[in-house]
């Protein structure tokens, strides 16, 4: 039997600012490829007619192909990060520091299962479970956690709040609350990065 005890949910949704939409970047690169192709034809034609450099045509085509490939690589990397639910490397340090700050919030016992990933070019999503004392004001803790993670770059966040009663229910008859808390803290000390996603 599984119960949720005394817990709640918090959500934070930031504006999708910054960064060009992946679709628009794809359209831009398509137009750029057509433009470079036309320029290549003009340049190779001039070189062939004026200097008889027949090799200019394949050289121009190869040069343009390399330019297009190099410009597409960042788009491919971003798309792969979204599809694989990976966290961009530039966020890892900030999120590590953010989780340390969260642990120091008054009234917050611990946290578990923090997951962060790139949802789109401008949105980094995340979920986290926080354990709080029975007498704490949940909304205050949620606002503090949201603010800390937002400063670290997470602009779409889901928070699940779990109170002491939840731990006692999950611990069953043989394990006390403090034993479960000790186990949670032990798991916290074993956090690591896997597939670009921050996991405990």
Protein backbone atom coordinates (compact mmCIF):
# COMPACT_ATOMS: atom_id res chain seq x y z
CA UNK A 1 0.00 0.00 0.00
CA UNK A 2 1.37 3.38 -0.97
CA UNK A 3 0.30 6.67 0.51
CA UNK A 4 1.40 10.25 0.06
CA UNK A 5 0.89 11.45 3.59
CA UNK A 6 1.10 15.21 4.00
CA UNK A 7 2.64 16.63 0.87
CA UNK A 8 2.03 19.15 -1.86
CA UNK A 9 3.19 20.37 -5.22
CA UNK A 10 4.79 23.61 -6.32
CA UNK A 11 5.22 24.78 -9.89
CA UNK A 12 7.34 27.50 -11.42
CA UNK A 13 7.17 28.46 -15.07
CA UNK A 14 9.61 31.03 -16.40
CA UNK A 15 9.31 32.99 -19.61
CA UNK A 16 10.77 31.39 -22.70
CA UNK A 17 13.21 34.16 -23.36
CA UNK A 18 16.64 34.05 -24.90
CA UNK A 19 17.94 31.79 -27.60
CA UNK A 20 16.51 31.38 -31.06
CA UNK A 21 13.80 28.80 -31.58
CA UNK A 22 15.24 25.60 -33.07
CA UNK A 23 12.74 25.67 -35.94
CA UNK A 24 13.68 29.25 -36.82
CA UNK A 25 17.36 28.34 -36.70
CA UNK A 26 16.65 25.47 -39.10
CA UNK A 27 14.84 27.82 -41.49
CA UNK A 28 17.68 30.33 -41.25
CA UNK A 29 20.28 27.66 -42.05
CA UNK A 30 18.20 26.46 -45.00
CA UNK A 31 18.07 30.00 -46.42
CA UNK A 32 21.79 30.41 -45.73
CA UNK A 33 22.56 27.19 -47.63
CA UNK A 34 20.58 28.40 -50.66
CA UNK A 35 22.32 31.78 -50.54
CA UNK A 36 25.79 30.28 -50.27
CA UNK A 37 24.97 27.88 -53.11
CA UNK A 38 24.05 30.79 -55.38
CA UNK A 39 27.19 32.71 -54.40
CA UNK A 40 29.29 29.62 -55.05
CA UNK A 41 27.85 29.25 -58.55
CA UNK A 42 28.57 32.91 -59.34
CA UNK A 43 32.14 32.78 -57.99
CA UNK A 44 33.01 29.51 -59.73
CA UNK A 45 31.54 30.76 -63.02
CA UNK A 46 33.65 33.93 -62.89
CA UNK A 47 36.83 31.98 -62.08
CA UNK A 48 36.19 29.50 -64.90
CA UNK A 49 35.40 32.16 -67.52
CA UNK A 50 38.16 34.60 -66.54
CA UNK A 51 40.98 32.24 -65.59
CA UNK A 52 39.92 28.83 -66.87
CA UNK A 53 40.01 27.39 -63.35
CA UNK A 54 37.64 24.47 -63.86
CA UNK A 55 38.56 23.12 -60.44
CA UNK A 56 36.90 26.19 -58.91
CA UNK A 57 33.43 24.61 -59.19
CA UNK A 58 34.09 21.54 -56.98
CA UNK A 59 36.28 23.59 -54.62
CA UNK A 60 33.53 26.17 -54.09
CA UNK A 61 30.97 23.41 -53.55
CA UNK A 62 33.23 21.69 -50.99
CA UNK A 63 33.93 24.96 -49.17
CA UNK A 64 30.22 25.82 -48.96
CA UNK A 65 29.37 22.30 -47.76
CA UNK A 66 31.93 22.61 -44.95
CA UNK A 67 30.55 26.01 -43.91
CA UNK A 68 27.00 24.67 -43.82
CA UNK A 69 28.05 21.60 -41.83
CA UNK A 70 29.91 23.70 -39.24
CA UNK A 71 26.91 26.00 -38.83
CA UNK A 72 24.52 23.05 -38.41
CA UNK A 73 26.57 21.27 -35.71
CA UNK A 74 25.35 23.51 -32.83
CA UNK A 75 21.74 22.97 -33.91
CA UNK A 76 22.24 19.20 -33.98
CA UNK A 77 23.84 19.25 -30.52
CA UNK A 78 20.99 21.30 -29.06
CA UNK A 79 18.39 19.03 -30.63
CA UNK A 80 20.15 15.93 -29.24
CA UNK A 81 20.24 17.43 -25.74
CA UNK A 82 16.48 18.01 -25.89
CA UNK A 83 15.71 14.54 -27.26
CA UNK A 84 18.00 12.80 -24.74
CA UNK A 85 16.76 14.96 -21.82
CA UNK A 86 20.32 16.02 -21.06
CA UNK A 87 21.41 18.89 -18.87
CA UNK A 88 23.69 21.41 -20.64
CA UNK A 89 27.19 21.23 -19.08
CA UNK A 90 27.21 24.97 -18.35
CA UNK A 91 24.38 24.46 -15.83
CA UNK A 92 25.98 21.67 -13.79
CA UNK A 93 28.13 23.80 -11.48
CA UNK A 94 25.37 26.33 -10.80
CA UNK A 95 22.87 23.59 -9.98
CA UNK A 96 25.33 21.86 -7.66
CA UNK A 97 25.73 25.10 -5.70
CA UNK A 98 21.97 25.67 -5.78
CA UNK A 99 21.31 22.27 -4.20
CA UNK A 100 23.80 23.07 -1.44
CA UNK A 101 21.88 26.30 -0.74
CA UNK A 102 18.58 24.42 -0.67
CA UNK A 103 19.93 22.03 1.97
CA UNK A 104 20.59 25.02 4.25
CA UNK A 105 17.03 26.41 4.13
CA UNK A 106 15.50 26.64 7.61
CA UNK A 107 12.70 24.13 8.05
CA UNK A 108 13.90 21.92 5.20
CA UNK A 109 15.11 18.52 6.36
CA UNK A 110 16.50 17.19 3.10
CA UNK A 111 15.78 16.75 -0.60
CA UNK A 112 15.81 13.81 -2.98
CA UNK A 113 15.49 12.87 -6.65
CA UNK A 114 16.54 16.18 -8.23
CA UNK A 115 16.28 15.86 -12.01
CA UNK A 116 17.10 18.67 -14.44
CA UNK A 117 17.10 18.60 -18.23
CA UNK A 118 16.85 20.85 -21.27
CA UNK A 119 13.24 20.95 -22.46
CA UNK A 120 13.85 23.34 -25.38
CA UNK A 121 16.39 25.90 -26.53
CA UNK A 122 15.21 28.38 -23.89
CA UNK A 123 13.70 26.17 -21.17
CA UNK A 124 15.51 24.08 -18.56
CA UNK A 125 13.01 21.94 -16.66
CA UNK A 126 13.39 20.27 -13.30
CA UNK A 127 11.70 18.23 -10.59
CA UNK A 128 12.68 17.80 -6.97
CA UNK A 129 11.24 16.29 -3.77
CA UNK A 130 11.83 18.23 -0.55
CA UNK A 131 11.28 16.98 2.98
CA UNK A 132 10.18 19.60 5.53
CA UNK A 133 9.33 19.70 9.22
CA UNK A 134 5.71 19.33 10.30
CA UNK A 135 5.27 22.92 11.52
CA UNK A 136 6.86 24.68 8.55
CA UNK A 137 4.92 26.89 6.11
CA UNK A 138 5.14 24.91 2.86
CA UNK A 139 4.62 27.88 0.53
CA UNK A 140 7.57 29.75 2.03
CA UNK A 141 9.88 26.77 1.46
CA UNK A 142 8.57 26.29 -2.09
CA UNK A 143 9.21 29.97 -2.89
CA UNK A 144 12.75 29.79 -1.54
CA UNK A 145 13.59 26.61 -3.45
CA UNK A 146 12.03 28.04 -6.61
CA UNK A 147 14.04 31.25 -6.30
CA UNK A 148 17.33 29.42 -5.78
CA UNK A 149 16.83 27.08 -8.74
CA UNK A 150 15.54 29.89 -10.96
CA UNK A 151 18.76 31.82 -10.29
CA UNK A 152 20.63 28.66 -11.38
CA UNK A 153 18.78 28.66 -14.73
CA UNK A 154 15.83 26.32 -14.09
CA UNK A 155 12.76 28.16 -15.43
CA UNK A 156 10.22 25.32 -15.43
CA UNK A 157 10.17 23.62 -12.05
CA UNK A 158 7.95 21.11 -10.23
CA UNK A 159 8.42 20.70 -6.48
CA UNK A 160 6.87 17.98 -4.34
CA UNK A 161 6.73 18.74 -0.64
CA UNK A 162 6.81 15.85 1.82
CA UNK A 163 6.32 16.28 5.57
CA UNK A 164 7.51 14.10 8.44
CA UNK A 165 4.25 12.12 8.45
CA UNK A 166 5.00 11.01 4.89
CA UNK A 167 8.35 9.56 5.99
CA UNK A 168 6.77 7.80 8.94
CA UNK A 169 4.20 6.22 6.65
CA UNK A 170 6.84 5.12 4.15
CA UNK A 171 9.10 3.76 6.85
CA UNK A 172 6.53 1.17 7.98
CA UNK A 173 6.44 -0.36 11.45
CA UNK A 174 10.06 -1.45 11.69
CA UNK A 175 11.91 1.70 10.65
CA UNK A 176 11.68 5.00 12.47
CA UNK A 177 11.64 8.48 10.98
CA UNK A 178 15.23 9.19 11.94
CA UNK A 179 16.40 5.98 10.27
CA UNK A 180 14.69 7.02 7.04
CA UNK A 181 16.21 10.49 7.34
CA UNK A 182 19.68 8.97 7.80
CA UNK A 183 19.14 6.81 4.72
CA UNK A 184 18.03 9.86 2.72
CA UNK A 185 21.14 11.80 3.72
CA UNK A 186 23.32 8.82 2.84
CA UNK A 187 21.74 8.75 -0.63
CA UNK A 188 22.34 12.49 -0.93
CA UNK A 189 26.07 11.98 -0.36
CA UNK A 190 26.13 9.55 -3.31
CA UNK A 191 24.82 11.98 -5.93
CA UNK A 192 26.47 11.86 -9.34
CA UNK A 193 26.00 12.87 -12.96
CA UNK A 194 24.71 10.40 -15.48
CA UNK A 195 23.79 11.09 -19.11
CA UNK A 196 23.95 14.81 -18.45
CA UNK A 197 21.17 14.65 -15.83
CA UNK A 198 21.82 15.43 -12.18
CA UNK A 199 20.74 12.38 -10.15
CA UNK A 200 21.05 11.29 -6.54
